[in-house]
Protein backbone atom coordinates (compact mmCIF):
# COMPACT_ATOMS: atom_id res chain seq x y z
CA MET A 1 70.53 60.36 134.37
CA LEU A 2 69.61 64.24 134.42
CA SER A 3 72.24 66.82 132.73
CA ASP A 4 71.42 70.79 133.59
CA ASP A 5 74.10 72.50 131.70
CA PHE A 6 71.64 72.81 128.30
CA MET A 7 72.02 76.64 127.37
CA PRO A 8 69.38 77.84 125.17
CA PRO A 9 70.83 79.37 121.85
CA THR A 10 69.82 83.58 121.32
CA ALA A 11 67.42 84.73 118.46
CA ASP A 12 70.90 84.74 116.24
CA GLY A 13 71.35 81.18 116.83
CA THR A 14 74.83 82.23 119.31
CA ALA A 15 75.47 80.70 122.07
CA ALA A 16 73.43 81.83 125.31
CA ARG A 17 74.81 84.37 127.90
CA ARG A 18 74.84 83.20 131.22
CA PHE A 19 71.61 85.23 132.51
CA GLU A 20 69.93 83.50 129.89
CA PRO A 21 67.46 80.59 131.03
CA ARG A 22 68.72 77.16 131.95
CA TYR A 23 67.12 73.51 130.83
CA ARG A 24 67.03 70.22 132.47
CA VAL A 25 67.95 67.68 130.34
CA THR A 26 68.01 63.65 129.89
CA MET A 27 70.92 62.12 128.67
CA ALA A 28 68.77 60.86 125.75
CA HIS A 29 68.03 64.54 124.88
CA ARG A 30 71.81 65.22 124.98
CA ALA A 31 72.54 62.56 122.66
CA ALA A 32 69.99 63.33 120.46
CA ARG A 33 70.74 66.79 120.07
CA SER A 34 74.06 66.40 119.41
CA LEU A 35 73.88 64.30 116.86
CA LEU A 36 71.20 66.40 115.33
CA ALA A 37 73.57 69.07 115.16
CA ALA A 38 76.84 67.45 113.19
CA PRO A 39 77.63 68.25 110.18
CA ALA A 40 75.92 68.16 107.06
CA PRO A 41 78.18 65.34 105.41
CA VAL A 42 77.56 63.02 108.39
CA LEU A 43 73.98 63.71 107.88
CA ASP A 44 73.22 63.27 104.67
CA ARG A 45 75.32 59.76 105.68
CA ILE A 46 72.33 59.34 108.84
CA ILE A 47 69.56 59.97 105.87
CA GLY A 48 70.94 58.18 103.25
CA ALA A 49 68.74 60.03 100.65
CA PRO A 50 67.99 63.61 98.66
CA PRO A 51 66.26 66.32 100.15
CA ILE A 52 62.94 66.48 100.34
CA VAL A 53 61.06 68.87 97.94
CA LEU A 54 57.26 68.78 97.54
CA ASP A 55 54.01 71.62 97.61
CA GLY A 56 57.06 74.10 96.50
CA ARG A 57 58.41 73.51 100.38
CA VAL A 58 61.82 72.20 100.98
CA LEU A 59 61.93 70.03 104.17
CA ASP A 60 64.27 70.62 107.31
CA ARG A 61 67.90 68.45 106.89
CA ARG A 62 67.65 67.35 110.46
CA VAL A 63 63.76 66.61 110.60
CA GLN A 64 64.47 64.65 107.56
CA ALA A 65 66.88 62.62 109.81
CA LEU A 66 64.80 61.97 112.60
CA LEU A 67 61.96 60.51 110.54
CA ALA A 68 65.38 58.48 109.16
CA ILE A 69 66.29 56.82 112.51
CA GLY A 70 62.32 56.54 113.09
CA GLU A 71 62.16 54.36 110.27
CA ARG A 72 65.42 52.47 111.06
CA LEU A 73 63.92 51.74 114.39
CA MET A 74 60.94 50.15 113.34
CA PRO A 75 59.87 46.67 113.35
CA GLY A 76 61.37 44.71 110.96
CA ASP A 77 58.00 44.34 108.80
CA GLY A 78 58.18 47.99 109.29
CA SER A 79 54.47 47.31 110.94
CA ARG A 80 53.75 50.06 113.95
CA SER A 81 51.89 49.79 116.97
CA PHE A 82 48.36 50.03 117.07
CA ASP A 83 48.06 49.21 120.98
CA PRO A 84 46.47 52.11 122.74
CA ASP A 85 49.03 51.60 126.10
CA GLN A 86 51.83 50.93 123.87
CA ARG A 87 51.44 54.09 122.08
CA ARG A 88 50.79 55.65 125.49
CA ARG A 89 54.45 54.40 126.77
CA GLU A 90 56.09 55.18 123.90
CA MET A 91 54.69 58.66 123.78
CA ASP A 92 55.76 59.66 127.08
CA ARG A 93 59.33 58.04 126.15
CA MET A 94 59.75 60.32 123.79
CA ALA A 95 58.80 63.01 125.28
CA THR A 96 62.04 63.17 127.62
CA THR A 97 64.26 63.17 124.69
CA GLY A 98 62.39 65.69 123.05
CA MET A 99 61.85 68.45 124.82
CA PRO A 100 64.13 69.81 127.52
CA SER A 101 63.13 70.46 131.26
CA ARG A 102 62.47 74.74 131.76
CA GLN A 103 64.30 75.30 135.13
CA GLY A 104 62.47 78.64 136.99
CA LEU A 105 58.98 77.67 137.78
CA HIS A 106 57.17 75.59 140.95
CA VAL A 107 55.02 73.00 139.74
CA SER A 108 52.16 71.23 141.76
CA GLU A 109 50.01 68.58 141.11
CA ARG A 110 45.94 68.49 141.87
CA ARG A 111 42.98 67.48 141.39
CA ILE A 112 40.34 69.11 140.98
CA PRO A 113 36.27 67.84 140.07
CA GLY A 114 35.49 66.35 136.49
CA PRO A 115 32.04 64.99 135.20
CA GLU A 116 32.36 61.55 136.03
CA SER A 117 35.24 61.59 138.82
CA THR A 118 38.10 63.87 139.87
CA LEU A 119 40.95 65.00 136.93
CA ALA A 120 44.11 65.74 137.67
CA VAL A 121 45.96 68.86 136.41
CA ARG A 122 49.33 70.25 136.70
CA VAL A 123 50.35 74.05 137.69
CA TYR A 124 53.14 75.61 136.02
CA ARG A 125 53.99 79.18 137.63
CA PRO A 126 57.12 80.87 136.92
CA PHE A 127 59.01 82.81 139.51
CA GLY A 128 58.88 86.59 139.26
CA LEU A 129 55.47 86.54 138.04
CA GLU A 130 53.50 89.72 138.25
CA PRO A 131 50.43 89.83 140.74
CA ASP A 132 47.77 88.15 139.87
CA PRO A 133 48.91 87.05 136.43
CA PRO A 134 46.44 85.86 133.11
CA ALA A 135 46.66 81.97 133.27
CA LEU A 136 46.55 79.32 129.88
CA LEU A 137 44.51 75.87 130.71
CA TYR A 138 46.58 73.39 128.51
CA ILE A 139 45.15 70.57 126.52
CA HIS A 140 47.47 68.70 125.37
CA GLY A 141 47.69 66.34 121.77
CA GLY A 142 47.89 62.67 120.46
CA GLY A 143 45.11 61.86 119.01
CA TRP A 144 42.29 61.49 122.01
CA VAL A 145 44.60 58.49 122.69
CA VAL A 146 47.84 58.88 124.24
CA GLY A 147 49.87 61.85 126.03
CA SER A 148 49.88 62.61 129.45
CA LEU A 149 51.00 65.23 131.84
CA ASP A 150 54.50 63.81 131.74
CA ALA A 151 54.61 63.88 128.09
CA TYR A 152 53.96 67.34 128.13
CA ASP A 153 55.81 68.58 130.86
CA GLY A 154 58.75 70.25 129.11
CA THR A 155 55.61 71.70 126.75
CA CYS A 156 54.09 73.65 129.22
CA ARG A 157 57.11 74.65 131.79
CA LEU A 158 58.12 76.53 128.17
CA VAL A 159 54.83 77.86 127.75
CA ALA A 160 54.80 78.79 130.89
CA ALA A 161 58.00 80.38 130.63
CA GLU A 162 57.52 82.52 127.25
CA ALA A 163 54.11 83.64 128.01
CA ARG A 164 54.91 84.60 131.33
CA CYS A 165 51.59 82.99 132.98
CA VAL A 166 50.88 79.97 135.22
CA VAL A 167 49.86 77.00 132.95
CA VAL A 168 47.18 74.37 134.19
CA SER A 169 47.70 71.26 132.13
CA VAL A 170 44.78 68.98 132.11
CA ASP A 171 45.23 64.47 132.31
CA TYR A 172 41.57 64.35 130.69
CA ARG A 173 40.18 61.52 129.91
CA LEU A 174 41.13 59.00 126.20
CA ALA A 175 39.38 57.40 123.95
CA PRO A 176 38.79 54.60 122.87
CA GLU A 177 37.96 53.62 126.37
CA HIS A 178 36.08 57.64 126.25
CA PRO A 179 35.53 58.51 123.57
CA PHE A 180 33.87 61.64 122.38
CA PRO A 181 32.24 63.38 124.69
CA ALA A 182 34.79 62.45 127.38
CA PRO A 183 37.75 64.62 126.37
CA LEU A 184 35.80 67.35 125.44
CA ASP A 185 33.70 67.09 128.99
CA ASP A 186 36.68 67.23 131.04
CA SER A 187 38.44 69.90 129.05
CA LEU A 188 35.48 72.02 129.37
CA ALA A 189 35.11 70.89 133.52
CA ALA A 190 39.24 72.12 134.19
CA TYR A 191 38.41 75.49 131.75
CA HIS A 192 35.52 76.07 134.60
CA TRP A 193 37.67 74.83 137.18
CA VAL A 194 40.54 77.47 136.68
CA ARG A 195 38.03 80.62 135.95
CA THR A 196 36.33 80.13 139.20
CA HIS A 197 39.43 79.09 141.34
CA ALA A 198 41.12 82.40 140.29
CA ARG A 199 42.15 83.33 144.16
CA GLU A 200 42.56 80.08 145.28
CA LEU A 201 45.69 79.82 141.66
CA GLY A 202 46.99 83.72 142.61
CA ILE A 203 45.94 84.19 138.71
CA ASP A 204 42.88 87.12 137.17
CA GLY A 205 40.15 85.23 136.61
CA ARG A 206 39.35 88.02 133.86
CA ARG A 207 42.60 86.26 131.90
CA VAL A 208 41.99 82.96 130.80
CA GLY A 209 42.94 81.82 127.81
CA VAL A 210 43.22 77.82 125.71
CA MET A 211 45.83 76.41 124.33
CA GLY A 212 46.02 72.63 122.63
CA ASP A 213 48.19 71.49 119.93
CA SER A 214 46.90 68.88 117.74
CA ALA A 215 43.69 67.39 119.31
CA GLY A 216 44.61 69.34 121.89
CA GLY A 217 43.79 72.64 119.34
CA ASN A 218 40.75 70.82 118.38
CA LEU A 219 39.65 71.12 121.81
CA ALA A 220 40.32 73.92 122.43
CA ALA A 221 38.98 75.51 119.47
CA VAL A 222 35.44 73.99 120.16
CA LEU A 223 35.89 75.00 123.50
CA ALA A 224 36.40 78.82 122.38
CA GLN A 225 32.95 78.14 120.49
CA VAL A 226 31.08 76.41 123.50
CA THR A 227 31.94 79.34 125.84
CA LEU A 228 30.92 82.26 124.07
CA ASP A 229 27.37 82.66 126.26
CA ASP A 230 28.91 80.36 129.10
CA PRO A 231 28.42 82.11 132.46
CA VAL A 232 31.64 81.97 133.26
CA GLY A 233 33.23 83.82 129.66
CA PRO A 234 35.27 82.53 126.97
CA PRO A 235 38.83 82.31 126.95
CA GLN A 236 40.96 85.73 126.04
CA VAL A 237 42.73 83.65 123.63
CA GLN A 238 42.71 80.58 122.04
CA ALA A 239 46.19 79.17 121.06
CA LEU A 240 45.89 76.41 118.07
CA VAL A 241 49.05 74.05 117.23
CA TYR A 242 48.13 72.65 114.22
CA PRO A 243 44.76 72.08 115.20
CA ALA A 244 42.25 69.01 114.08
CA THR A 245 39.33 71.60 113.40
CA GLU A 246 37.12 68.79 110.71
CA ALA A 247 37.00 64.97 110.88
CA SER A 248 36.44 64.36 107.48
CA PHE A 249 40.17 64.61 106.14
CA SER A 250 39.23 65.97 102.78
CA LYS A 251 41.71 68.65 102.58
CA PRO A 252 44.53 68.02 99.87
CA SER A 253 47.36 68.36 102.70
CA HIS A 254 45.98 64.75 103.45
CA GLU A 255 47.04 63.66 100.40
CA LEU A 256 49.90 65.11 99.83
CA PHE A 257 51.46 64.23 103.46
CA ALA A 258 49.65 61.04 104.14
CA GLU A 259 53.03 59.02 104.69
CA GLY A 260 56.70 59.46 105.43
CA PHE A 261 56.30 62.46 107.33
CA GLY A 262 55.33 60.71 110.90
CA LEU A 263 51.66 61.28 111.07
CA THR A 264 50.75 59.07 108.78
CA ARG A 265 46.85 58.72 107.17
CA VAL A 266 46.57 55.25 108.63
CA ASP A 267 47.67 56.78 112.15
CA MET A 268 44.95 59.41 111.68
CA GLU A 269 42.13 56.97 110.83
CA TRP A 270 42.86 54.94 113.62
CA TYR A 271 42.96 57.98 116.19
CA ARG A 272 39.44 59.12 114.61
CA ALA A 273 38.14 55.83 115.07
CA GLN A 274 38.78 55.56 118.74
CA TYR A 275 37.88 59.03 119.16
CA LEU A 276 34.93 58.81 116.89
CA PRO A 277 33.94 55.59 116.58
CA ASP A 278 30.40 56.44 115.21
CA ARG A 279 30.28 58.13 111.73
CA SER A 280 26.95 60.11 112.21
CA THR A 281 29.36 62.68 114.41
CA TRP A 282 31.66 64.10 112.06
CA ASP A 283 30.37 66.83 111.24
CA LEU A 284 29.29 68.26 114.40
CA PRO A 285 30.67 71.57 115.22
CA THR A 286 31.92 70.35 118.49
CA VAL A 287 33.96 67.45 116.88
CA SER A 288 34.83 69.93 113.55
CA PRO A 289 34.83 73.20 114.61
CA LEU A 290 35.36 74.27 111.35
CA LEU A 291 32.04 73.33 110.41
CA ALA A 292 30.14 75.59 112.65
CA PRO A 293 28.11 77.95 111.29
CA SER A 294 29.36 81.23 112.49
CA VAL A 295 33.04 82.01 114.55
CA GLU A 296 31.53 85.49 114.67
CA GLY A 297 32.90 86.77 118.44
CA VAL A 298 35.16 84.19 119.61
CA ALA A 299 38.55 84.77 121.36
CA PRO A 300 41.55 86.17 119.11
CA ALA A 301 43.63 83.20 117.78
CA VAL A 302 47.02 82.22 117.59
CA VAL A 303 47.26 79.37 114.79
CA ALA A 304 50.35 77.53 114.16
CA THR A 305 50.65 75.00 111.46
CA ALA A 306 53.32 72.42 109.63
CA GLY A 307 54.05 72.33 106.02
CA PHE A 308 54.89 68.89 106.13
CA ASP A 309 51.77 68.48 108.21
CA PRO A 310 48.78 66.17 106.86
CA LEU A 311 46.33 68.69 109.59
CA ARG A 312 48.50 71.47 107.73
CA ASP A 313 45.46 72.60 105.28
CA GLU A 314 42.39 72.74 108.19
CA GLY A 315 44.46 74.89 110.17
CA SER A 316 45.54 76.66 107.81
CA ALA A 317 41.34 76.98 106.70
CA TYR A 318 40.32 77.71 110.18
CA ALA A 319 42.70 80.71 110.47
CA GLU A 320 41.14 81.79 107.39
CA ARG A 321 37.60 81.71 108.63
CA LEU A 322 38.45 82.75 111.51
CA SER A 323 40.43 86.50 110.00
CA ASP A 324 36.86 86.57 107.81
CA ALA A 325 34.50 85.84 110.80
CA GLY A 326 36.75 89.28 112.22
CA VAL A 327 38.36 87.87 114.55
CA PRO A 328 42.23 88.43 114.92
CA VAL A 329 44.52 85.78 114.20
CA TRP A 330 48.36 85.80 114.19
CA TYR A 331 49.31 82.74 111.95
CA ARG A 332 51.82 80.93 110.88
CA CYS A 333 52.69 77.87 108.40
CA TYR A 334 56.59 77.11 109.03
CA ASP A 335 57.04 75.76 106.07
CA ASP A 336 60.05 73.00 106.13
CA MET A 337 58.36 71.23 109.78
CA ILE A 338 56.48 68.45 110.42
CA HIS A 339 53.55 67.57 112.48
CA GLY A 340 54.85 67.44 116.27
CA PHE A 341 57.62 70.32 116.23
CA PHE A 342 56.25 72.25 119.43
CA GLY A 343 57.53 69.11 121.15
CA MET A 344 61.12 68.52 118.96
CA GLY A 345 63.42 70.60 121.19
CA VAL A 346 65.97 68.51 119.92
CA ILE A 347 66.58 71.17 117.69
CA PRO A 348 67.06 74.21 118.54
CA GLU A 349 64.55 75.73 115.86
CA CYS A 350 62.13 73.71 117.24
CA LEU A 351 62.44 75.98 120.52
CA GLY A 352 63.04 79.45 118.87
CA MET A 353 59.22 78.64 117.11
CA ALA A 354 57.88 77.35 120.50
CA THR A 355 59.16 80.23 121.84
CA GLU A 356 57.29 82.64 119.14
CA ILE A 357 53.73 80.84 119.72
CA ALA A 358 54.00 80.93 123.43
CA ARG A 359 54.78 84.90 123.25
CA ALA A 360 52.27 85.64 120.18
CA THR A 361 49.72 83.45 122.99
CA ALA A 362 50.90 86.19 125.82
CA ARG A 363 50.00 89.25 124.05
CA PRO A 364 46.18 88.81 124.37
CA LEU A 365 46.68 87.47 127.80
CA HIS A 366 48.63 90.54 129.03
CA GLN A 367 46.77 93.01 127.63
CA THR A 368 44.74 95.33 129.93
């Protein structure tokens, strides 16, 4: 069941005014949001543990509550499913709880040519855009194994509305059925299609960016590198939200946050095994963009990381590598957050962070 009376908070946390954008929410989302808005003593009872302080950072208390609830919903033996299909169903189900559905957009679906068969894409166009607006190709996360157009519908709606652009979300093939390089090949095919079908999409084909989170951030970063000499041209911006940039998992944050913060070391090793079954591929620049011989000349970057995320240090290292090469970089580490905050719309501040990232992504796209 859907309810459409949720109004987002303003920047200072006060109640939204009538003219602000509306969201449609599921009852599960409403219930979760109400629970996490409970007074501190109630959250303390839900969590049953003191605040987490690690590496000089304090975990957001509502995030800690979400983690505590998630642990209690695990099977009695604490085991996690490693069946790809089950994980895909779980992610789709969780998405309707995590993100509200931004209204005020036209959303359509179609199929486009892919490397081996057609690919599904979903096109988001906010009402009232400028003539021939810019566009973003959105490449979803999920460890190259899970994730779908439905799971990222709320995220893409928000990005399109806040970046004031057309967003094209691509349903690329997933591992283990389609390991590397299939997800990358599909993402490149979708990028080429957006660039070469600008008139059909009603966009400015010169102003096309790429955006992705986690595994999608990896694919977006690689795409920005490999299209430098592409006939259709490189993207105008690359927006990377807690991106995976090095397959070796060698950074300190991988040890610091190996367990207890949603995405675990065991999870990441399983995802890597599905996508990269051949160990010899791990150091390829098309797998680990941090290891590319050069990143000079790639698109301006928006890079966001989370303070309690195993991927934090490799995302930060990539932002620094880009900056050292003279690439303009907008970088934010949201210190009290975990991996996945970009889709945790049940916490109002997470919607604010996602909005900030979307608007930062918009700036290079709207430059003339």
